Amino acid sequence: MKKTIITVIGKDTVGIIAKVCTYLADHQVNVLDISQTIVQGFFNMMMIVDANNSDKPFETLSSELTQLGEQIGVSIKMQHEDIFNSMHRI
């Protein structure tokens, strides 16, 4: 299974987690792990998901999540696990 990392960052508002998770569930993306914090009114969430059974290709999921983020006022990024790991290697 290839894992995918989704990050969500922005000003905290009601429903961010619900909207992101509803989108993922609607497209058969399984949430494996989720961590979220709010620091001085700013929302930060990182999710590890399995998108292997999704009804949409990775590129479409990523693009639509970016658009969803714009609609709800946050930044949503989706990356393959190996790319995420490479970018955050010390």
C-alpha atoms as a PDB file:
ATOM      1  CA  MET A   1       0.000   0.000   0.000  1.00  0.00           C
ATOM      2  CA  LYS A   2       1.343   3.415  -0.948  1.00  0.00           C
ATOM      3  CA  LYS A   3       0.416   6.035   1.589  1.00  0.00           C
ATOM      4  CA  THR A   4      -0.433   9.650   0.844  1.00  0.00           C
ATOM      5  CA  ILE A   5       0.094  12.655   3.104  1.00  0.00           C
ATOM      6  CA  ILE A   6      -2.491  15.447   3.260  1.00  0.00           C
ATOM      7  CA  THR A   7      -1.789  18.691   5.102  1.00  0.00           C
ATOM      8  CA  VAL A   8      -4.386  21.334   5.921  1.00  0.00           C
ATOM      9  CA  ILE A   9      -3.346  24.736   7.269  1.00  0.00           C
ATOM     10  CA  GLY A  10      -5.297  27.936   7.853  1.00  0.00           C
ATOM     11  CA  LYS A  11      -7.405  30.046  10.174  1.00  0.00           C
ATOM     12  CA  ASP A  12      -9.604  27.832  12.332  1.00  0.00           C
ATOM     13  CA  THR A  13     -13.296  27.660  11.432  1.00  0.00           C
ATOM     14  CA  VAL A  14     -16.107  25.231  12.133  1.00  0.00           C
ATOM     15  CA  GLY A  15     -16.297  22.203   9.832  1.00  0.00           C
ATOM     16  CA  ILE A  16     -12.800  21.939   8.342  1.00  0.00           C
ATOM     17  CA  ILE A  17     -12.282  18.319   9.386  1.00  0.00           C
ATOM     18  CA  ALA A  18     -15.834  17.372   8.426  1.00  0.00           C
ATOM     19  CA  LYS A  19     -15.555  18.843   4.925  1.00  0.00           C
ATOM     20  CA  VAL A  20     -12.163  17.278   4.197  1.00  0.00           C
ATOM     21  CA  CYS A  21     -13.171  13.872   5.580  1.00  0.00           C
ATOM     22  CA  THR A  22     -16.503  13.935   3.731  1.00  0.00           C
ATOM     23  CA  TYR A  23     -14.676  14.583   0.445  1.00  0.00           C
ATOM     24  CA  LEU A  24     -12.258  11.725   1.149  1.00  0.00           C
ATOM     25  CA  ALA A  25     -15.037   9.293   2.103  1.00  0.00           C
ATOM     26  CA  ASP A  26     -17.035  10.226  -1.004  1.00  0.00           C
ATOM     27  CA  HIS A  27     -14.048   9.139  -3.115  1.00  0.00           C
ATOM     28  CA  GLN A  28     -13.106   5.950  -1.233  1.00  0.00           C
ATOM     29  CA  VAL A  29      -9.981   7.391   0.399  1.00  0.00           C
ATOM     30  CA  ASN A  30      -9.312   5.706   3.747  1.00  0.00           C
ATOM     31  CA  VAL A  31      -7.925   7.800   6.614  1.00  0.00           C
ATOM     32  CA  LEU A  32      -5.191   5.775   8.347  1.00  0.00           C
ATOM     33  CA  ASP A  33      -4.012   8.403  10.825  1.00  0.00           C
ATOM     34  CA  ILE A  34      -4.927  11.982  11.623  1.00  0.00           C
ATOM     35  CA  SER A  35      -3.409  14.655  13.824  1.00  0.00           C
ATOM     36  CA  GLN A  36      -4.720  18.173  14.269  1.00  0.00           C
ATOM     37  CA  THR A  37      -3.878  21.108  16.450  1.00  0.00           C
ATOM     38  CA  ILE A  38      -5.062  24.658  16.861  1.00  0.00           C
ATOM     39  CA  VAL A  39      -2.463  27.222  17.908  1.00  0.00           C
ATOM     40  CA  GLN A  40      -3.622  30.785  18.584  1.00  0.00           C
ATOM     41  CA  GLY A  41      -6.534  30.410  16.184  1.00  0.00           C
ATOM     42  CA  PHE A  42      -4.604  28.676  13.405  1.00  0.00           C
ATOM     43  CA  PHE A  43      -5.625  25.183  12.347  1.00  0.00           C
ATOM     44  CA  ASN A  44      -3.031  22.580  11.365  1.00  0.00           C
ATOM     45  CA  MET A  45      -3.908  19.021  10.337  1.00  0.00           C
ATOM     46  CA  MET A  46      -1.842  16.196   8.915  1.00  0.00           C
ATOM     47  CA  MET A  47      -3.461  13.030   7.610  1.00  0.00           C
ATOM     48  CA  ILE A  48      -1.992   9.782   6.360  1.00  0.00           C
ATOM     49  CA  VAL A  49      -4.401   8.192   3.899  1.00  0.00           C
ATOM     50  CA  ASP A  50      -4.700   5.231   1.559  1.00  0.00           C
ATOM     51  CA  ALA A  51      -5.994   6.416  -1.817  1.00  0.00           C
ATOM     52  CA  ASN A  52      -5.332   3.158  -3.687  1.00  0.00           C
ATOM     53  CA  ASN A  53      -9.046   2.317  -3.973  1.00  0.00           C
ATOM     54  CA  SER A  54     -10.175   5.812  -4.900  1.00  0.00           C
ATOM     55  CA  ASP A  55     -12.515   6.329  -7.842  1.00  0.00           C
ATOM     56  CA  LYS A  56     -10.285   9.226  -8.980  1.00  0.00           C
ATOM     57  CA  PRO A  57      -6.610   9.393  -9.937  1.00  0.00           C
ATOM     58  CA  PHE A  58      -4.137  11.022  -7.536  1.00  0.00           C
ATOM     59  CA  GLU A  59      -3.797  14.180  -9.642  1.00  0.00           C
ATOM     60  CA  THR A  60      -7.567  14.769  -9.630  1.00  0.00           C
ATOM     61  CA  LEU A  61      -7.843  14.173  -5.887  1.00  0.00           C
ATOM     62  CA  SER A  62      -4.991  16.587  -5.254  1.00  0.00           C
ATOM     63  CA  SER A  63      -6.459  19.276  -7.498  1.00  0.00           C
ATOM     64  CA  GLU A  64      -9.957  18.945  -6.051  1.00  0.00           C
ATOM     65  CA  LEU A  65      -8.624  19.063  -2.481  1.00  0.00           C
ATOM     66  CA  THR A  66      -6.738  22.254  -3.355  1.00  0.00           C
ATOM     67  CA  GLN A  67      -9.993  23.713  -4.695  1.00  0.00           C
ATOM     68  CA  LEU A  68     -11.893  22.583  -1.580  1.00  0.00           C
ATOM     69  CA  GLY A  69      -9.291  24.335   0.553  1.00  0.00           C
ATOM     70  CA  GLU A  70      -9.784  27.562  -1.391  1.00  0.00           C
ATOM     71  CA  GLN A  71     -13.546  27.301  -0.849  1.00  0.00           C
ATOM     72  CA  ILE A  72     -13.237  26.849   2.914  1.00  0.00           C
ATOM     73  CA  GLY A  73     -10.313  29.253   3.429  1.00  0.00           C
ATOM     74  CA  VAL A  74      -7.432  26.861   4.117  1.00  0.00           C
ATOM     75  CA  SER A  75      -4.457  25.481   2.224  1.00  0.00           C
ATOM     76  CA  ILE A  76      -4.723  21.755   1.421  1.00  0.00           C
ATOM     77  CA  LYS A  77      -1.740  19.886  -0.037  1.00  0.00           C
ATOM     78  CA  MET A  78      -1.612  16.220  -1.024  1.00  0.00           C
ATOM     79  CA  GLN A  79       1.688  14.389  -1.611  1.00  0.00           C
ATOM     80  CA  HIS A  80       2.844  10.829  -2.105  1.00  0.00           C
ATOM     81  CA  GLU A  81       4.548   9.554   1.049  1.00  0.00           C
ATOM     82  CA  ASP A  82       7.948   9.092  -0.632  1.00  0.00           C
ATOM     83  CA  ILE A  83       7.962  12.698  -1.902  1.00  0.00           C
ATOM     84  CA  PHE A  84       6.880  14.012   1.512  1.00  0.00           C
ATOM     85  CA  ASN A  85       9.663  12.025   3.197  1.00  0.00           C
ATOM     86  CA  SER A  86      12.265  13.264   0.708  1.00  0.00           C
ATOM     87  CA  MET A  87      11.232  16.888   1.231  1.00  0.00           C
ATOM     88  CA  HIS A  88      11.445  16.591   5.030  1.00  0.00           C
ATOM     89  CA  ARG A  89      14.659  14.630   5.310  1.00  0.00           C
ATOM     90  CA  ILE A  90      17.322  16.336   7.427  1.00  0.00           C
END
